[in-house]
């Protein structure tokens, strides 16, 4: 596997850990009154929307060969972030922390992340022109 791909995925995980830590710290400090939107929900929703739109834009740019998936940190970061958001959504739903509408939003992030990471990790091996079959 390309060392640049691995480096980008590693940096993406580090950035995601820092961002998640920031969200958890801000959410723990923020107090929401009954009837108000919680700070954690606000940051998760904002991150979900930005990551989803960003992934969609990068997928379109990738189709038109504007973005190189092997050298683009944003491509890797949005793939990892969308996967993490989708997995968080599944876990939160199973733990009864969010409702059906909440998981539907985050499953879109999971789909976008899967598309990006499959493209990064497996596209060449799936569609190899040197395949003897």
C-alpha atoms as a PDB file:
ATOM      1  CA  UNK A   1       0.000   0.000   0.000  1.00  0.00           C
ATOM      2  CA  UNK A   2       1.140   3.516  -0.788  1.00  0.00           C
ATOM      3  CA  UNK A   3       2.949   5.105   2.172  1.00  0.00           C
ATOM      4  CA  UNK A   4       1.252   8.456   1.467  1.00  0.00           C
ATOM      5  CA  UNK A   5      -2.160   6.781   1.858  1.00  0.00           C
ATOM      6  CA  UNK A   6      -1.145   5.309   5.213  1.00  0.00           C
ATOM      7  CA  UNK A   7       0.319   8.610   6.377  1.00  0.00           C
ATOM      8  CA  UNK A   8      -2.895  10.442   5.405  1.00  0.00           C
ATOM      9  CA  UNK A   9      -5.038   7.871   7.204  1.00  0.00           C
ATOM     10  CA  UNK A  10      -2.842   8.179  10.307  1.00  0.00           C
ATOM     11  CA  UNK A  11      -3.026  11.975  10.274  1.00  0.00           C
ATOM     12  CA  UNK A  12      -6.777  11.700   9.757  1.00  0.00           C
ATOM     13  CA  UNK A  13      -7.147   9.557  12.872  1.00  0.00           C
ATOM     14  CA  UNK A  14      -5.074  12.013  14.906  1.00  0.00           C
ATOM     15  CA  UNK A  15      -7.127  14.996  13.704  1.00  0.00           C
ATOM     16  CA  UNK A  16     -10.352  13.100  14.417  1.00  0.00           C
ATOM     17  CA  UNK A  17      -9.207  12.239  17.945  1.00  0.00           C
ATOM     18  CA  UNK A  18      -8.339  15.886  18.616  1.00  0.00           C
ATOM     19  CA  UNK A  19     -11.684  17.078  17.188  1.00  0.00           C
ATOM     20  CA  UNK A  20     -13.649  14.478  19.162  1.00  0.00           C
ATOM     21  CA  UNK A  21     -11.801  15.453  22.348  1.00  0.00           C
ATOM     22  CA  UNK A  22     -12.644  19.113  21.701  1.00  0.00           C
ATOM     23  CA  UNK A  23     -16.334  18.280  21.199  1.00  0.00           C
ATOM     24  CA  UNK A  24     -16.470  16.182  24.371  1.00  0.00           C
ATOM     25  CA  UNK A  25     -14.738  18.871  26.461  1.00  0.00           C
ATOM     26  CA  UNK A  26     -16.984  21.645  25.130  1.00  0.00           C
ATOM     27  CA  UNK A  27     -20.058  19.457  25.627  1.00  0.00           C
ATOM     28  CA  UNK A  28     -19.102  18.584  29.202  1.00  0.00           C
ATOM     29  CA  UNK A  29     -18.663  22.256  30.062  1.00  0.00           C
ATOM     30  CA  UNK A  30     -21.814  23.406  28.293  1.00  0.00           C
ATOM     31  CA  UNK A  31     -24.976  23.188  30.292  1.00  0.00           C
ATOM     32  CA  UNK A  32     -28.233  23.039  28.421  1.00  0.00           C
ATOM     33  CA  UNK A  33     -31.535  23.858  30.012  1.00  0.00           C
ATOM     34  CA  UNK A  34     -34.512  21.547  29.552  1.00  0.00           C
ATOM     35  CA  UNK A  35     -36.082  22.204  26.171  1.00  0.00           C
ATOM     36  CA  UNK A  36     -32.821  23.464  24.645  1.00  0.00           C
ATOM     37  CA  UNK A  37     -30.627  21.659  22.169  1.00  0.00           C
ATOM     38  CA  UNK A  38     -27.700  19.962  23.891  1.00  0.00           C
ATOM     39  CA  UNK A  39     -24.201  21.126  23.072  1.00  0.00           C
ATOM     40  CA  UNK A  40     -23.140  17.593  22.098  1.00  0.00           C
ATOM     41  CA  UNK A  41     -26.048  17.298  19.652  1.00  0.00           C
ATOM     42  CA  UNK A  42     -25.221  20.688  18.115  1.00  0.00           C
ATOM     43  CA  UNK A  43     -21.543  19.838  17.519  1.00  0.00           C
ATOM     44  CA  UNK A  44     -22.322  16.329  16.293  1.00  0.00           C
ATOM     45  CA  UNK A  45     -24.950  17.625  13.866  1.00  0.00           C
ATOM     46  CA  UNK A  46     -22.651  20.403  12.622  1.00  0.00           C
ATOM     47  CA  UNK A  47     -19.792  17.936  12.121  1.00  0.00           C
ATOM     48  CA  UNK A  48     -22.135  15.489  10.398  1.00  0.00           C
ATOM     49  CA  UNK A  49     -23.404  18.060   7.912  1.00  0.00           C
ATOM     50  CA  UNK A  50     -19.957  19.460   7.113  1.00  0.00           C
ATOM     51  CA  UNK A  51     -18.418  15.983   6.753  1.00  0.00           C
ATOM     52  CA  UNK A  52     -21.290  14.757   4.578  1.00  0.00           C
ATOM     53  CA  UNK A  53     -21.251  17.762   2.248  1.00  0.00           C
ATOM     54  CA  UNK A  54     -17.460  17.691   2.102  1.00  0.00           C
ATOM     55  CA  UNK A  55     -17.477  14.000   1.190  1.00  0.00           C
ATOM     56  CA  UNK A  56     -20.063  14.583  -1.523  1.00  0.00           C
ATOM     57  CA  UNK A  57     -17.998  17.412  -3.007  1.00  0.00           C
ATOM     58  CA  UNK A  58     -14.819  15.317  -2.941  1.00  0.00           C
ATOM     59  CA  UNK A  59     -16.558  12.315  -4.519  1.00  0.00           C
ATOM     60  CA  UNK A  60     -17.743  14.532  -7.382  1.00  0.00           C
ATOM     61  CA  UNK A  61     -14.272  16.048  -7.749  1.00  0.00           C
ATOM     62  CA  UNK A  62     -12.765  12.546  -7.732  1.00  0.00           C
ATOM     63  CA  UNK A  63     -15.126  11.383 -10.497  1.00  0.00           C
ATOM     64  CA  UNK A  64     -13.927  14.299 -12.644  1.00  0.00           C
ATOM     65  CA  UNK A  65     -10.300  13.499 -11.714  1.00  0.00           C
ATOM     66  CA  UNK A  66      -9.712  16.869 -10.032  1.00  0.00           C
ATOM     67  CA  UNK A  67      -8.727  15.277  -6.699  1.00  0.00           C
ATOM     68  CA  UNK A  68      -5.986  12.691  -6.261  1.00  0.00           C
ATOM     69  CA  UNK A  69      -7.141  10.305  -3.552  1.00  0.00           C
ATOM     70  CA  UNK A  70      -3.584   9.151  -2.836  1.00  0.00           C
ATOM     71  CA  UNK A  71      -2.219  12.579  -1.920  1.00  0.00           C
ATOM     72  CA  UNK A  72      -5.269  14.389  -0.578  1.00  0.00           C
ATOM     73  CA  UNK A  73      -5.456  14.504   3.214  1.00  0.00           C
ATOM     74  CA  UNK A  74      -8.999  15.914   3.131  1.00  0.00           C
ATOM     75  CA  UNK A  75     -10.172  12.872   1.155  1.00  0.00           C
ATOM     76  CA  UNK A  76      -8.788  10.510   3.803  1.00  0.00           C
ATOM     77  CA  UNK A  77      -9.942  12.695   6.694  1.00  0.00           C
ATOM     78  CA  UNK A  78     -13.517  12.919   5.462  1.00  0.00           C
ATOM     79  CA  UNK A  79     -13.596   9.175   4.839  1.00  0.00           C
ATOM     80  CA  UNK A  80     -12.427   8.409   8.374  1.00  0.00           C
ATOM     81  CA  UNK A  81     -14.677  11.081   9.911  1.00  0.00           C
ATOM     82  CA  UNK A  82     -17.787   9.897   8.100  1.00  0.00           C
ATOM     83  CA  UNK A  83     -17.113   6.280   9.097  1.00  0.00           C
ATOM     84  CA  UNK A  84     -16.685   7.373  12.727  1.00  0.00           C
ATOM     85  CA  UNK A  85     -19.914   9.398  12.636  1.00  0.00           C
ATOM     86  CA  UNK A  86     -21.827   6.473  11.159  1.00  0.00           C
ATOM     87  CA  UNK A  87     -20.489   4.029  13.739  1.00  0.00           C
ATOM     88  CA  UNK A  88     -21.280   6.541  16.502  1.00  0.00           C
ATOM     89  CA  UNK A  89     -24.827   6.744  15.147  1.00  0.00           C
ATOM     90  CA  UNK A  90     -25.258   2.976  15.256  1.00  0.00           C
ATOM     91  CA  UNK A  91     -23.871   2.780  18.795  1.00  0.00           C
ATOM     92  CA  UNK A  92     -25.979   5.731  19.988  1.00  0.00           C
ATOM     93  CA  UNK A  93     -29.106   4.179  18.508  1.00  0.00           C
ATOM     94  CA  UNK A  94     -28.416   0.799  20.099  1.00  0.00           C
ATOM     95  CA  UNK A  95     -27.837   2.540  23.444  1.00  0.00           C
ATOM     96  CA  UNK A  96     -31.113   4.481  23.034  1.00  0.00           C
ATOM     97  CA  UNK A  97     -29.320   7.830  22.933  1.00  0.00           C
ATOM     98  CA  UNK A  98     -30.844   8.878  19.582  1.00  0.00           C
ATOM     99  CA  UNK A  99     -34.053   8.075  17.736  1.00  0.00           C
ATOM    100  CA  UNK A 100     -34.689   6.661  14.266  1.00  0.00           C
ATOM    101  CA  UNK A 101     -34.386  10.084  12.593  1.00  0.00           C
ATOM    102  CA  UNK A 102     -30.988  10.580  14.196  1.00  0.00           C
ATOM    103  CA  UNK A 103     -29.615   7.294  12.958  1.00  0.00           C
ATOM    104  CA  UNK A 104     -30.902   7.940   9.441  1.00  0.00           C
ATOM    105  CA  UNK A 105     -28.858  11.138   9.301  1.00  0.00           C
ATOM    106  CA  UNK A 106     -25.721   9.418  10.521  1.00  0.00           C
ATOM    107  CA  UNK A 107     -26.124   6.376   8.277  1.00  0.00           C
ATOM    108  CA  UNK A 108     -25.677   8.723   5.311  1.00  0.00           C
ATOM    109  CA  UNK A 109     -22.308   9.652   6.801  1.00  0.00           C
ATOM    110  CA  UNK A 110     -21.442   5.962   7.116  1.00  0.00           C
ATOM    111  CA  UNK A 111     -22.280   5.417   3.451  1.00  0.00           C
ATOM    112  CA  UNK A 112     -20.150   8.381   2.361  1.00  0.00           C
ATOM    113  CA  UNK A 113     -17.243   7.184   4.505  1.00  0.00           C
ATOM    114  CA  UNK A 114     -17.452   3.653   3.154  1.00  0.00           C
ATOM    115  CA  UNK A 115     -17.404   4.970  -0.428  1.00  0.00           C
ATOM    116  CA  UNK A 116     -14.356   7.134   0.265  1.00  0.00           C
ATOM    117  CA  UNK A 117     -12.399   4.461   2.125  1.00  0.00           C
ATOM    118  CA  UNK A 118     -13.187   1.745  -0.424  1.00  0.00           C
ATOM    119  CA  UNK A 119     -11.938   4.112  -3.106  1.00  0.00           C
ATOM    120  CA  UNK A 120      -8.749   4.829  -1.135  1.00  0.00           C
ATOM    121  CA  UNK A 121      -7.963   1.275  -0.057  1.00  0.00           C
ATOM    122  CA  UNK A 122      -9.429  -1.111  -2.616  1.00  0.00           C
ATOM    123  CA  UNK A 123     -10.197   0.652  -5.914  1.00  0.00           C
ATOM    124  CA  UNK A 124      -7.009  -0.424  -7.701  1.00  0.00           C
ATOM    125  CA  UNK A 125      -7.280  -4.043  -6.566  1.00  0.00           C
ATOM    126  CA  UNK A 126     -10.958  -4.300  -7.540  1.00  0.00           C
ATOM    127  CA  UNK A 127     -10.608  -2.661 -10.955  1.00  0.00           C
ATOM    128  CA  UNK A 128      -7.077  -3.706 -11.839  1.00  0.00           C
ATOM    129  CA  UNK A 129      -6.380  -3.884 -15.579  1.00  0.00           C
ATOM    130  CA  UNK A 130      -3.760  -6.581 -14.963  1.00  0.00           C
ATOM    131  CA  UNK A 131      -6.315  -9.014 -13.576  1.00  0.00           C
ATOM    132  CA  UNK A 132      -5.784 -12.387 -15.364  1.00  0.00           C
ATOM    133  CA  UNK A 133      -9.487 -13.363 -15.101  1.00  0.00           C
END
